[in-house]
Amino acid sequence: MALGCKYGSHRVIEPPGVLPQPAARLNNDMSQIYDNEILLNVTALNIDSASFTQLEEATGGDLVKLEAEILNIVSQRGKMQNPVTGSGGMFIGAVAAVGSALARRGLSVGDRIASLVSLSLTPLKINKILCIRPEIDRVEIDGQAILFESGIYAKLPADMDEGLALAALDVAGAPAQAAKLVKPGQSVLILGAGGKSGMLVAYEAMKRVGPTGRVVGNVYLPEDGMILKSLNLCHKVVVEDATKPLLLLHKVLVANSGHDYDVVFNCVNVPNTEMATILPCRQEGVVYFFSMATHFGKAALGAEGVGKDITMIVGNGFTKDHAEITLWELRENKELRKLFEEKYA
């Protein structure tokens, strides 16, 4: 078959002229692939946490309704993109076919891989949903997906269970950004520190700040705070609702001896936490919004409204070597790996 656009625009049905992520509908016909596409047999989807939370709330936690909603989204859009949050997730699967133009990529039929691009831009066909595991935002399926020439992926490591690798790679962008952004001696605040991305960010931040820095984790549930303390993932834990910015601001400043923070990470999975992230950050500090529940208009206008001159970074799920950095964290920290195996694999 002919070459398609390396970014996948040839799969866009509507509206014409856009790329796959903002498109309303993709062509998910898997009967033939373009010469620069990879066809995969998909076994599991990790739905983005903000998306899964919204879908659960919309369906009242009813798994039958949730399954129907997921199937409806994929049927209508040709991809798994939550129409409310706009986010997707990622998948694991086995290579079924590699287009002739990508033969030198080193992939063979049968190779197990994890996608490192969002489901919100990935042509997907679900033949059947086999199981929904709401406790870890995972949907086990019989289906197929397409990766474009520009799509990135990771071969699943031989030394890890597939579920463990999927759980970590799903949020790989966050800890890798922590490795880039956090410097020795800095103070770091992590909202949503009890989740997958939050714990990995906390571990990376503790390494980077060194003996003179400080890492504070915010959680909503006290039991999550106990886990953070038991694993020594931060110096202090603040239990507070991140949708209440002034209450949280007071508590996190107390936890940092009254000082603002150099770097603030937002790893929550609910909306309306923009100001709780911005207020504790010092002037000319850095805020990293990993959460796909973030409303970036609220963040921009909110920072302006409180006179904060800060660098705000959109949570790009990709940064150089992010898969390797994240998997290495689990190899390096046996206690954290054990927790991920028990809770998310």
C-alpha atoms as a PDB file:
ATOM      1  CA  MET A   1       0.000   0.000   0.000  1.00  0.00           C
ATOM      2  CA  ALA A   2       1.078   3.652  -0.398  1.00  0.00           C
ATOM      3  CA  LEU A   3       2.910   5.744   2.168  1.00  0.00           C
ATOM      4  CA  GLY A   4       0.722   7.716   4.534  1.00  0.00           C
ATOM      5  CA  CYS A   5       1.563  10.949   6.322  1.00  0.00           C
ATOM      6  CA  LYS A   6       4.223  10.212   8.956  1.00  0.00           C
ATOM      7  CA  TYR A   7       2.012  11.984  11.547  1.00  0.00           C
ATOM      8  CA  GLY A   8      -1.113  10.027  10.620  1.00  0.00           C
ATOM      9  CA  SER A   9      -3.233  12.681   8.911  1.00  0.00           C
ATOM     10  CA  HIS A  10      -4.174  10.127   6.214  1.00  0.00           C
ATOM     11  CA  ARG A  11      -6.304   8.363   8.871  1.00  0.00           C
ATOM     12  CA  VAL A  12      -8.323  11.491   9.681  1.00  0.00           C
ATOM     13  CA  ILE A  13     -11.945  11.336   8.495  1.00  0.00           C
ATOM     14  CA  GLU A  14     -13.166  14.611   9.992  1.00  0.00           C
ATOM     15  CA  PRO A  15     -12.515  17.442  10.009  1.00  0.00           C
ATOM     16  CA  PRO A  16     -10.167  17.441   7.022  1.00  0.00           C
ATOM     17  CA  GLY A  17      -6.738  19.025   7.347  1.00  0.00           C
ATOM     18  CA  VAL A  18      -6.121  18.307  11.026  1.00  0.00           C
ATOM     19  CA  LEU A  19      -3.830  15.859  12.786  1.00  0.00           C
ATOM     20  CA  PRO A  20      -5.164  12.707  14.505  1.00  0.00           C
ATOM     21  CA  GLN A  21      -5.218  14.023  18.080  1.00  0.00           C
ATOM     22  CA  PRO A  22      -7.663  16.938  17.585  1.00  0.00           C
ATOM     23  CA  ALA A  23      -9.622  15.032  14.923  1.00  0.00           C
ATOM     24  CA  ALA A  24     -13.219  14.137  15.689  1.00  0.00           C
ATOM     25  CA  ARG A  25     -13.018  10.807  13.889  1.00  0.00           C
ATOM     26  CA  LEU A  26     -10.281   8.489  12.588  1.00  0.00           C
ATOM     27  CA  ASN A  27     -10.328   5.651  10.079  1.00  0.00           C
ATOM     28  CA  ASN A  28      -9.790   2.527  12.201  1.00  0.00           C
ATOM     29  CA  ASP A  29     -10.060   0.018   9.345  1.00  0.00           C
ATOM     30  CA  MET A  30      -7.380  -2.567  10.120  1.00  0.00           C
ATOM     31  CA  SER A  31      -7.854  -4.735   7.022  1.00  0.00           C
ATOM     32  CA  GLN A  32      -4.972  -2.986   5.250  1.00  0.00           C
ATOM     33  CA  ILE A  33      -2.136  -0.874   6.614  1.00  0.00           C
ATOM     34  CA  TYR A  34      -0.031   1.787   4.946  1.00  0.00           C
ATOM     35  CA  ASP A  35       3.633   1.071   4.265  1.00  0.00           C
ATOM     36  CA  ASN A  36       4.685   3.336   7.131  1.00  0.00           C
ATOM     37  CA  GLU A  37       2.298   1.992   9.765  1.00  0.00           C
ATOM     38  CA  ILE A  38       2.581  -0.727  12.405  1.00  0.00           C
ATOM     39  CA  LEU A  39      -0.413  -2.947  13.157  1.00  0.00           C
ATOM     40  CA  LEU A  40      -0.741  -4.320  16.674  1.00  0.00           C
ATOM     41  CA  ASN A  41      -2.976  -6.826  18.404  1.00  0.00           C
ATOM     42  CA  VAL A  42      -3.953  -5.004  21.593  1.00  0.00           C
ATOM     43  CA  THR A  43      -4.477  -6.793  24.894  1.00  0.00           C
ATOM     44  CA  ALA A  44      -4.881  -3.927  27.364  1.00  0.00           C
ATOM     45  CA  LEU A  45      -5.598  -0.205  27.528  1.00  0.00           C
ATOM     46  CA  ASN A  46      -4.480   1.991  30.377  1.00  0.00           C
ATOM     47  CA  ILE A  47      -7.026   4.807  30.305  1.00  0.00           C
ATOM     48  CA  ASP A  48      -5.714   8.211  31.355  1.00  0.00           C
ATOM     49  CA  SER A  49      -6.531   8.711  35.044  1.00  0.00           C
ATOM     50  CA  ALA A  50      -8.475  11.947  34.544  1.00  0.00           C
ATOM     51  CA  SER A  51     -10.451  10.313  31.741  1.00  0.00           C
ATOM     52  CA  PHE A  52     -11.221   7.139  33.676  1.00  0.00           C
ATOM     53  CA  THR A  53     -12.308   9.130  36.723  1.00  0.00           C
ATOM     54  CA  GLN A  54     -14.690  11.207  34.590  1.00  0.00           C
ATOM     55  CA  LEU A  55     -16.120   8.112  32.898  1.00  0.00           C
ATOM     56  CA  GLU A  56     -16.647   6.396  36.244  1.00  0.00           C
ATOM     57  CA  GLU A  57     -18.469   9.409  37.623  1.00  0.00           C
ATOM     58  CA  ALA A  58     -20.612   9.759  34.491  1.00  0.00           C
ATOM     59  CA  THR A  59     -21.675   6.098  34.627  1.00  0.00           C
ATOM     60  CA  GLY A  60     -22.072   5.946  38.398  1.00  0.00           C
ATOM     61  CA  GLY A  61     -19.374   3.283  38.631  1.00  0.00           C
ATOM     62  CA  ASP A  62     -21.588   0.767  36.798  1.00  0.00           C
ATOM     63  CA  LEU A  63     -19.174  -1.454  34.852  1.00  0.00           C
ATOM     64  CA  VAL A  64     -21.806  -2.438  32.277  1.00  0.00           C
ATOM     65  CA  LYS A  65     -22.499   1.224  31.512  1.00  0.00           C
ATOM     66  CA  LEU A  66     -18.782   2.008  31.579  1.00  0.00           C
ATOM     67  CA  GLU A  67     -18.069  -0.747  29.052  1.00  0.00           C
ATOM     68  CA  ALA A  68     -20.848   0.534  26.814  1.00  0.00           C
ATOM     69  CA  GLU A  69     -19.498   4.086  26.996  1.00  0.00           C
ATOM     70  CA  ILE A  70     -15.964   3.017  26.062  1.00  0.00           C
ATOM     71  CA  LEU A  71     -17.270   0.979  23.123  1.00  0.00           C
ATOM     72  CA  ASN A  72     -19.435   3.920  22.052  1.00  0.00           C
ATOM     73  CA  ILE A  73     -16.502   6.352  22.110  1.00  0.00           C
ATOM     74  CA  VAL A  74     -14.282   4.062  20.035  1.00  0.00           C
ATOM     75  CA  SER A  75     -17.122   3.269  17.624  1.00  0.00           C
ATOM     76  CA  GLN A  76     -17.883   6.947  17.039  1.00  0.00           C
ATOM     77  CA  ARG A  77     -14.335   8.337  17.024  1.00  0.00           C
ATOM     78  CA  GLY A  78     -12.184   5.433  15.815  1.00  0.00           C
ATOM     79  CA  LYS A  79      -9.950   6.036  18.837  1.00  0.00           C
ATOM     80  CA  MET A  80     -10.214   6.110  22.617  1.00  0.00           C
ATOM     81  CA  GLN A  81     -10.485   9.823  23.322  1.00  0.00           C
ATOM     82  CA  ASN A  82     -12.737  10.959  26.133  1.00  0.00           C
ATOM     83  CA  PRO A  83     -14.898  13.755  24.662  1.00  0.00           C
ATOM     84  CA  VAL A  84     -15.015  15.540  28.035  1.00  0.00           C
ATOM     85  CA  THR A  85     -11.347  15.478  29.082  1.00  0.00           C
ATOM     86  CA  GLY A  86      -9.906  15.141  25.573  1.00  0.00           C
ATOM     87  CA  SER A  87      -7.367  12.629  26.881  1.00  0.00           C
ATOM     88  CA  GLY A  88      -6.731   8.995  26.055  1.00  0.00           C
ATOM     89  CA  GLY A  89      -4.159   6.721  27.645  1.00  0.00           C
ATOM     90  CA  MET A  90      -1.888   4.036  26.184  1.00  0.00           C
ATOM     91  CA  PHE A  91      -1.901   0.342  25.242  1.00  0.00           C
ATOM     92  CA  ILE A  92       0.161  -2.822  25.266  1.00  0.00           C
ATOM     93  CA  GLY A  93       0.039  -5.366  22.502  1.00  0.00           C
ATOM     94  CA  ALA A  94       1.912  -7.587  20.090  1.00  0.00           C
ATOM     95  CA  VAL A  95       3.184  -6.592  16.662  1.00  0.00           C
ATOM     96  CA  ALA A  96       0.935  -8.112  13.987  1.00  0.00           C
ATOM     97  CA  ALA A  97       2.474  -6.476  10.905  1.00  0.00           C
ATOM     98  CA  VAL A  98       5.115  -3.874  10.069  1.00  0.00           C
ATOM     99  CA  GLY A  99       4.814  -1.732   6.941  1.00  0.00           C
ATOM    100  CA  SER A 100       7.581  -2.203   4.385  1.00  0.00           C
ATOM    101  CA  ALA A 101       8.918   1.335   4.889  1.00  0.00           C
ATOM    102  CA  LEU A 102       9.500   0.629   8.613  1.00  0.00           C
ATOM    103  CA  ALA A 103      11.189  -2.752   8.193  1.00  0.00           C
ATOM    104  CA  ARG A 104      14.483  -1.417   9.578  1.00  0.00           C
ATOM    105  CA  ARG A 105      13.003  -0.450  12.918  1.00  0.00           C
ATOM    106  CA  GLY A 106      14.002  -3.768  14.421  1.00  0.00           C
ATOM    107  CA  LEU A 107      10.456  -4.884  15.170  1.00  0.00           C
ATOM    108  CA  SER A 108       9.331  -8.418  14.434  1.00  0.00           C
ATOM    109  CA  VAL A 109       5.885  -9.950  14.378  1.00  0.00           C
ATOM    110  CA  GLY A 110       5.084 -11.096  17.907  1.00  0.00           C
ATOM    111  CA  ASP A 111       7.195  -8.468  19.705  1.00  0.00           C
ATOM    112  CA  ARG A 112       5.391  -7.153  22.784  1.00  0.00           C
ATOM    113  CA  ILE A 113       5.383  -3.371  23.050  1.00  0.00           C
ATOM    114  CA  ALA A 114       3.818  -0.525  24.991  1.00  0.00           C
ATOM    115  CA  SER A 115       2.690   2.530  23.070  1.00  0.00           C
ATOM    116  CA  LEU A 116       4.184   5.800  24.275  1.00  0.00           C
ATOM    117  CA  VAL A 117       1.740   7.975  22.361  1.00  0.00           C
ATOM    118  CA  SER A 118      -1.765   8.813  23.467  1.00  0.00           C
ATOM    119  CA  LEU A 119      -4.813   6.747  22.624  1.00  0.00           C
ATOM    120  CA  SER A 120      -6.384  10.104  21.745  1.00  0.00           C
ATOM    121  CA  LEU A 121      -4.501   9.975  18.418  1.00  0.00           C
ATOM    122  CA  THR A 122      -4.252   6.195  17.908  1.00  0.00           C
ATOM    123  CA  PRO A 123      -6.599   4.383  15.496  1.00  0.00           C
ATOM    124  CA  LEU A 124      -8.203   1.676  17.623  1.00  0.00           C
ATOM    125  CA  LYS A 125     -10.696  -1.104  17.033  1.00  0.00           C
ATOM    126  CA  ILE A 126     -12.176  -3.038  19.953  1.00  0.00           C
ATOM    127  CA  ASN A 127     -13.607  -6.440  19.068  1.00  0.00           C
ATOM    128  CA  LYS A 128     -14.489  -7.222  22.658  1.00  0.00           C
ATOM    129  CA  ILE A 129     -13.888  -5.874  26.149  1.00  0.00           C
ATOM    130  CA  LEU A 130     -12.747  -8.783  28.282  1.00  0.00           C
ATOM    131  CA  CYS A 131     -12.390  -7.129  31.678  1.00  0.00           C
ATOM    132  CA  ILE A 132     -12.453  -3.675  33.282  1.00  0.00           C
ATOM    133  CA  ARG A 133     -10.229  -3.112  36.296  1.00  0.00           C
ATOM    134  CA  PRO A 134     -11.348   0.259  37.698  1.00  0.00           C
ATOM    135  CA  GLU A 135      -8.899   0.167  40.607  1.00  0.00           C
ATOM    136  CA  ILE A 136      -6.019   0.632  38.140  1.00  0.00           C
ATOM    137  CA  ASP A 137      -7.814   2.380  35.206  1.00  0.00           C
ATOM    138  CA  ARG A 138      -7.197  -0.651  32.970  1.00  0.00           C
ATOM    139  CA  VAL A 139      -9.370  -2.212  30.289  1.00  0.00           C
ATOM    140  CA  GLU A 140      -8.383  -5.642  28.957  1.00  0.00           C
ATOM    141  CA  ILE A 141      -9.527  -6.096  25.380  1.00  0.00           C
ATOM    142  CA  ASP A 142      -9.353  -8.073  22.179  1.00  0.00           C
ATOM    143  CA  GLY A 143      -8.575  -5.399  19.640  1.00  0.00           C
ATOM    144  CA  GLN A 144      -6.182  -3.808  17.196  1.00  0.00           C
ATOM    145  CA  ALA A 145      -4.385  -0.483  16.916  1.00  0.00           C
ATOM    146  CA  ILE A 146      -2.170   1.413  14.497  1.00  0.00           C
ATOM    147  CA  LEU A 147       1.068   3.216  15.266  1.00  0.00           C
ATOM    148  CA  PHE A 148       2.155   5.848  12.767  1.00  0.00           C
ATOM    149  CA  GLU A 149       5.696   6.395  11.548  1.00  0.00           C
ATOM    150  CA  SER A 150       6.138   9.178  14.109  1.00  0.00           C
ATOM    151  CA  GLY A 151       4.690   7.048  16.921  1.00  0.00           C
ATOM    152  CA  ILE A 152       6.977   6.096  19.766  1.00  0.00           C
ATOM    153  CA  TYR A 153       6.875   2.864  21.730  1.00  0.00           C
ATOM    154  CA  ALA A 154       8.913   0.719  24.094  1.00  0.00           C
ATOM    155  CA  LYS A 155       9.573  -2.984  23.870  1.00  0.00           C
ATOM    156  CA  LEU A 156       8.321  -4.536  27.081  1.00  0.00           C
ATOM    157  CA  PRO A 157      11.251  -5.376  29.382  1.00  0.00           C
ATOM    158  CA  ALA A 158      12.079  -9.006  30.062  1.00  0.00           C
ATOM    159  CA  ASP A 159      12.652  -8.400  33.776  1.00  0.00           C
ATOM    160  CA  MET A 160       9.173  -7.033  34.533  1.00  0.00           C
ATOM    161  CA  ASP A 161       5.617  -8.255  34.456  1.00  0.00           C
ATOM    162  CA  GLU A 162       3.722  -6.646  31.567  1.00  0.00           C
ATOM    163  CA  GLY A 163       1.186  -5.099  33.906  1.00  0.00           C
ATOM    164  CA  LEU A 164       3.935  -3.490  35.959  1.00  0.00           C
ATOM    165  CA  ALA A 165       5.655  -2.081  32.878  1.00  0.00           C
ATOM    166  CA  LEU A 166       2.352  -0.752  31.537  1.00  0.00           C
ATOM    167  CA  ALA A 167       1.534   0.959  34.833  1.00  0.00           C
ATOM    168  CA  ALA A 168       4.907   2.706  34.902  1.00  0.00           C
ATOM    169  CA  LEU A 169       5.140   3.617  31.229  1.00  0.00           C
ATOM    170  CA  ASP A 170       1.629   5.080  31.351  1.00  0.00           C
ATOM    171  CA  VAL A 171       3.003   7.992  33.394  1.00  0.00           C
ATOM    172  CA  ALA A 172       6.627   7.964  32.207  1.00  0.00           C
ATOM    173  CA  GLY A 173       6.631  11.622  31.199  1.00  0.00           C
ATOM    174  CA  ALA A 174       6.210  12.900  34.755  1.00  0.00           C
ATOM    175  CA  PRO A 175       9.232  11.380  36.571  1.00  0.00           C
ATOM    176  CA  ALA A 176      11.442  12.037  33.557  1.00  0.00           C
ATOM    177  CA  GLN A 177      10.454  15.718  33.676  1.00  0.00           C
ATOM    178  CA  ALA A 178      11.241  15.712  37.394  1.00  0.00           C
ATOM    179  CA  ALA A 179      14.720  14.468  36.525  1.00  0.00           C
ATOM    180  CA  LYS A 180      15.129  17.486  34.215  1.00  0.00           C
ATOM    181  CA  LEU A 181      13.467  20.201  36.288  1.00  0.00           C
ATOM    182  CA  VAL A 182      14.525  19.543  39.889  1.00  0.00           C
ATOM    183  CA  LYS A 183      17.898  20.831  41.071  1.00  0.00           C
ATOM    184  CA  PRO A 184      19.945  20.262  44.245  1.00  0.00           C
ATOM    185  CA  GLY A 185      18.764  22.282  47.235  1.00  0.00           C
ATOM    186  CA  GLN A 186      15.351  23.133  45.805  1.00  0.00           C
ATOM    187  CA  SER A 187      11.981  22.821  47.504  1.00  0.00           C
ATOM    188  CA  VAL A 188       9.457  20.727  45.582  1.00  0.00           C
ATOM    189  CA  LEU A 189       5.709  20.307  46.074  1.00  0.00           C
ATOM    190  CA  ILE A 190       3.765  17.446  44.471  1.00  0.00           C
ATOM    191  CA  LEU A 191      -0.030  17.579  44.328  1.00  0.00           C
ATOM    192  CA  GLY A 192      -1.500  14.117  43.964  1.00  0.00           C
ATOM    193  CA  ALA A 193       1.650  12.519  45.349  1.00  0.00           C
ATOM    194  CA  GLY A 194      -0.163   9.299  46.258  1.00  0.00           C
ATOM    195  CA  GLY A 195      -0.899   8.201  42.689  1.00  0.00           C
ATOM    196  CA  LYS A 196       1.316   6.442  40.156  1.00  0.00           C
ATOM    197  CA  SER A 197       2.805   9.558  38.618  1.00  0.00           C
ATOM    198  CA  GLY A 198       2.992  11.340  41.973  1.00  0.00           C
ATOM    199  CA  MET A 199       4.998   8.602  43.675  1.00  0.00           C
ATOM    200  CA  LEU A 200       7.442   8.293  40.785  1.00  0.00           C
ATOM    201  CA  VAL A 201       7.889  12.085  40.706  1.00  0.00           C
ATOM    202  CA  ALA A 202       8.433  12.115  44.471  1.00  0.00           C
ATOM    203  CA  TYR A 203      11.100   9.431  44.285  1.00  0.00           C
ATOM    204  CA  GLU A 204      12.919  11.236  41.475  1.00  0.00           C
ATOM    205  CA  ALA A 205      12.627  14.589  43.261  1.00  0.00           C
ATOM    206  CA  MET A 206      14.080  13.146  46.490  1.00  0.00           C
ATOM    207  CA  LYS A 207      17.120  11.997  44.520  1.00  0.00           C
ATOM    208  CA  ARG A 208      17.556  15.323  42.759  1.00  0.00           C
ATOM    209  CA  VAL A 209      17.154  17.781  45.663  1.00  0.00           C
ATOM    210  CA  GLY A 210      19.880  16.103  47.685  1.00  0.00           C
ATOM    211  CA  PRO A 211      20.488  16.618  51.398  1.00  0.00           C
ATOM    212  CA  THR A 212      19.752  20.351  51.357  1.00  0.00           C
ATOM    213  CA  GLY A 213      16.455  20.237  49.464  1.00  0.00           C
ATOM    214  CA  ARG A 214      12.914  19.515  50.545  1.00  0.00           C
ATOM    215  CA  VAL A 215      10.104  17.479  48.980  1.00  0.00           C
ATOM    216  CA  VAL A 216       6.520  17.824  50.199  1.00  0.00           C
ATOM    217  CA  GLY A 217       3.736  15.550  48.982  1.00  0.00           C
ATOM    218  CA  ASN A 218       0.061  16.479  49.002  1.00  0.00           C
ATOM    219  CA  VAL A 219      -2.571  13.717  49.151  1.00  0.00           C
ATOM    220  CA  TYR A 220      -6.331  13.644  49.564  1.00  0.00           C
ATOM    221  CA  LEU A 221      -6.520  10.445  51.601  1.00  0.00           C
ATOM    222  CA  PRO A 222      -4.619   9.929  54.888  1.00  0.00           C
ATOM    223  CA  GLU A 223      -3.807   6.327  53.935  1.00  0.00           C
ATOM    224  CA  ASP A 224      -1.944   7.544  50.862  1.00  0.00           C
ATOM    225  CA  GLY A 225       0.088   9.798  53.124  1.00  0.00           C
ATOM    226  CA  MET A 226       1.036   6.823  55.277  1.00  0.00           C
ATOM    227  CA  ILE A 227       2.306   4.986  52.191  1.00  0.00           C
ATOM    228  CA  LEU A 228       4.448   7.963  51.159  1.00  0.00           C
ATOM    229  CA  LYS A 229       5.963   8.150  54.627  1.00  0.00           C
ATOM    230  CA  SER A 230       6.611   4.420  54.829  1.00  0.00           C
ATOM    231  CA  LEU A 231       8.492   4.502  51.517  1.00  0.00           C
ATOM    232  CA  ASN A 232      10.401   7.719  52.393  1.00  0.00           C
ATOM    233  CA  LEU A 233       9.203   9.343  49.178  1.00  0.00           C
ATOM    234  CA  CYS A 234       9.059  12.836  50.654  1.00  0.00           C
ATOM    235  CA  HIS A 235      10.113  14.816  53.701  1.00  0.00           C
ATOM    236  CA  LYS A 236       6.604  15.949  54.648  1.00  0.00           C
ATOM    237  CA  VAL A 237       3.060  14.937  53.747  1.00  0.00           C
ATOM    238  CA  VAL A 238       0.111  17.338  53.654  1.00  0.00           C
ATOM    239  CA  VAL A 239      -3.378  15.836  53.645  1.00  0.00           C
ATOM    240  CA  GLU A 240      -5.758  18.297  51.986  1.00  0.00           C
ATOM    241  CA  ASP A 241      -8.223  18.666  49.126  1.00  0.00           C
ATOM    242  CA  ALA A 242      -6.359  20.262  46.197  1.00  0.00           C
ATOM    243  CA  THR A 243      -9.599  21.820  44.930  1.00  0.00           C
ATOM    244  CA  LYS A 244      -9.458  24.134  47.986  1.00  0.00           C
ATOM    245  CA  PRO A 245      -6.471  26.326  47.117  1.00  0.00           C
ATOM    246  CA  LEU A 246      -6.351  28.611  50.154  1.00  0.00           C
ATOM    247  CA  LEU A 247      -6.616  25.785  52.675  1.00  0.00           C
ATOM    248  CA  LEU A 248      -3.932  23.846  50.850  1.00  0.00           C
ATOM    249  CA  LEU A 249      -1.710  26.918  50.485  1.00  0.00           C
ATOM    250  CA  HIS A 250      -1.598  27.479  54.232  1.00  0.00           C
ATOM    251  CA  LYS A 251      -0.723  23.863  55.005  1.00  0.00           C
ATOM    252  CA  VAL A 252       1.958  23.414  52.355  1.00  0.00           C
ATOM    253  CA  LEU A 253       3.681  26.678  53.320  1.00  0.00           C
ATOM    254  CA  VAL A 254       3.811  25.520  56.931  1.00  0.00           C
ATOM    255  CA  ALA A 255       5.362  22.257  55.692  1.00  0.00           C
ATOM    256  CA  ASN A 256       8.093  24.276  53.955  1.00  0.00           C
ATOM    257  CA  SER A 257       8.908  26.565  56.911  1.00  0.00           C
ATOM    258  CA  GLY A 258       6.746  29.337  55.493  1.00  0.00           C
ATOM    259  CA  HIS A 259       8.528  29.483  52.145  1.00  0.00           C
ATOM    260  CA  ASP A 260       7.156  29.239  48.610  1.00  0.00           C
ATOM    261  CA  TYR A 261       8.303  26.333  46.440  1.00  0.00           C
ATOM    262  CA  ASP A 262      10.816  26.349  43.615  1.00  0.00           C
ATOM    263  CA  VAL A 263       9.010  23.651  41.622  1.00  0.00           C
ATOM    264  CA  VAL A 264       5.402  22.432  41.872  1.00  0.00           C
ATOM    265  CA  PHE A 265       4.079  19.295  40.137  1.00  0.00           C
ATOM    266  CA  ASN A 266       0.373  18.704  39.579  1.00  0.00           C
ATOM    267  CA  CYS A 267      -0.362  14.959  39.344  1.00  0.00           C
ATOM    268  CA  VAL A 268      -4.025  14.957  40.393  1.00  0.00           C
ATOM    269  CA  ASN A 269      -6.861  13.397  38.389  1.00  0.00           C
ATOM    270  CA  VAL A 270      -9.692  15.828  39.146  1.00  0.00           C
ATOM    271  CA  PRO A 271     -10.474  19.319  37.792  1.00  0.00           C
ATOM    272  CA  ASN A 272     -10.159  22.708  39.516  1.00  0.00           C
ATOM    273  CA  THR A 273      -6.716  22.318  41.063  1.00  0.00           C
ATOM    274  CA  GLU A 274      -4.962  24.976  38.983  1.00  0.00           C
ATOM    275  CA  MET A 275      -4.759  27.650  41.696  1.00  0.00           C
ATOM    276  CA  ALA A 276      -3.705  25.180  44.383  1.00  0.00           C
ATOM    277  CA  THR A 277      -0.725  24.483  42.123  1.00  0.00           C
ATOM    278  CA  ILE A 278       0.101  28.092  41.276  1.00  0.00           C
ATOM    279  CA  LEU A 279      -0.245  29.813  44.649  1.00  0.00           C
ATOM    280  CA  PRO A 280       2.536  27.925  46.507  1.00  0.00           C
ATOM    281  CA  CYS A 281       5.064  28.504  43.703  1.00  0.00           C
ATOM    282  CA  ARG A 282       7.620  31.271  44.190  1.00  0.00           C
ATOM    283  CA  GLN A 283       8.019  34.139  41.747  1.00  0.00           C
ATOM    284  CA  GLU A 284       9.976  32.896  38.697  1.00  0.00           C
ATOM    285  CA  GLY A 285       9.508  29.331  39.861  1.00  0.00           C
ATOM    286  CA  VAL A 286       8.271  26.416  37.752  1.00  0.00           C
ATOM    287  CA  VAL A 287       4.884  24.674  37.671  1.00  0.00           C
ATOM    288  CA  TYR A 288       4.474  21.385  35.788  1.00  0.00           C
ATOM    289  CA  PHE A 289       0.884  20.369  35.030  1.00  0.00           C
ATOM    290  CA  PHE A 290       1.003  16.632  34.330  1.00  0.00           C
ATOM    291  CA  SER A 291      -2.709  16.239  35.052  1.00  0.00           C
ATOM    292  CA  MET A 292      -4.938  16.060  31.979  1.00  0.00           C
ATOM    293  CA  ALA A 293      -7.744  17.437  34.151  1.00  0.00           C
ATOM    294  CA  THR A 294      -6.001  20.812  34.014  1.00  0.00           C
ATOM    295  CA  HIS A 295      -7.829  23.695  32.353  1.00  0.00           C
ATOM    296  CA  PHE A 296      -4.956  25.646  30.904  1.00  0.00           C
ATOM    297  CA  GLY A 297      -7.021  28.788  30.413  1.00  0.00           C
ATOM    298  CA  LYS A 298      -7.784  28.799  34.144  1.00  0.00           C
ATOM    299  CA  ALA A 299      -4.103  28.321  34.887  1.00  0.00           C
ATOM    300  CA  ALA A 300      -2.948  31.161  32.636  1.00  0.00           C
ATOM    301  CA  LEU A 301      -5.585  33.652  33.746  1.00  0.00           C
ATOM    302  CA  GLY A 302      -5.370  32.537  37.362  1.00  0.00           C
ATOM    303  CA  ALA A 303      -1.622  33.118  37.522  1.00  0.00           C
ATOM    304  CA  GLU A 304      -2.112  36.535  35.977  1.00  0.00           C
ATOM    305  CA  GLY A 305      -4.837  37.331  38.484  1.00  0.00           C
ATOM    306  CA  VAL A 306      -2.639  36.667  41.524  1.00  0.00           C
ATOM    307  CA  GLY A 307       0.443  38.324  40.040  1.00  0.00           C
ATOM    308  CA  LYS A 308       2.542  35.195  39.659  1.00  0.00           C
ATOM    309  CA  ASP A 309       5.411  35.429  37.178  1.00  0.00           C
ATOM    310  CA  ILE A 310       6.073  31.699  36.848  1.00  0.00           C
ATOM    311  CA  THR A 311       6.966  29.258  34.120  1.00  0.00           C
ATOM    312  CA  MET A 312       4.037  26.904  33.534  1.00  0.00           C
ATOM    313  CA  ILE A 313       4.762  23.716  31.617  1.00  0.00           C
ATOM    314  CA  VAL A 314       2.110  21.644  29.858  1.00  0.00           C
ATOM    315  CA  GLY A 315       2.397  17.990  30.853  1.00  0.00           C
ATOM    316  CA  ASN A 316       3.884  16.621  27.662  1.00  0.00           C
ATOM    317  CA  GLY A 317       3.901  12.860  28.133  1.00  0.00           C
ATOM    318  CA  PHE A 318       7.120  12.568  26.162  1.00  0.00           C
ATOM    319  CA  THR A 319      10.603  13.690  27.038  1.00  0.00           C
ATOM    320  CA  LYS A 320      13.952  12.243  26.064  1.00  0.00           C
ATOM    321  CA  ASP A 321      14.645   8.811  27.631  1.00  0.00           C
ATOM    322  CA  HIS A 322      11.425   8.938  29.655  1.00  0.00           C
ATOM    323  CA  ALA A 323      10.713   5.212  29.374  1.00  0.00           C
ATOM    324  CA  GLU A 324      14.223   4.248  30.448  1.00  0.00           C
ATOM    325  CA  ILE A 325      14.231   6.700  33.382  1.00  0.00           C
ATOM    326  CA  THR A 326      10.882   5.481  34.697  1.00  0.00           C
ATOM    327  CA  LEU A 327      11.600   1.767  34.418  1.00  0.00           C
ATOM    328  CA  TRP A 328      14.970   2.314  36.066  1.00  0.00           C
ATOM    329  CA  GLU A 329      13.267   3.893  39.073  1.00  0.00           C
ATOM    330  CA  LEU A 330      11.376   0.648  39.687  1.00  0.00           C
ATOM    331  CA  ARG A 331      14.547  -1.384  39.269  1.00  0.00           C
ATOM    332  CA  GLU A 332      16.362   0.943  41.652  1.00  0.00           C
ATOM    333  CA  ASN A 333      13.730   1.094  44.411  1.00  0.00           C
ATOM    334  CA  LYS A 334      12.600  -2.402  45.398  1.00  0.00           C
ATOM    335  CA  GLU A 335       9.992  -1.140  47.866  1.00  0.00           C
ATOM    336  CA  LEU A 336       8.374   1.126  45.283  1.00  0.00           C
ATOM    337  CA  ARG A 337       8.441  -1.669  42.736  1.00  0.00           C
ATOM    338  CA  LYS A 338       6.760  -4.029  45.191  1.00  0.00           C
ATOM    339  CA  LEU A 339       4.011  -1.480  45.817  1.00  0.00           C
ATOM    340  CA  PHE A 340       3.435  -1.018  42.072  1.00  0.00           C
ATOM    341  CA  GLU A 341       3.298  -4.803  41.611  1.00  0.00           C
ATOM    342  CA  GLU A 342       0.729  -5.167  44.379  1.00  0.00           C
ATOM    343  CA  LYS A 343      -1.375  -2.143  43.472  1.00  0.00           C
ATOM    344  CA  TYR A 344      -1.149  -1.589  39.735  1.00  0.00           C
ATOM    345  CA  ALA A 345       0.177  -4.672  37.911  1.00  0.00           C
END
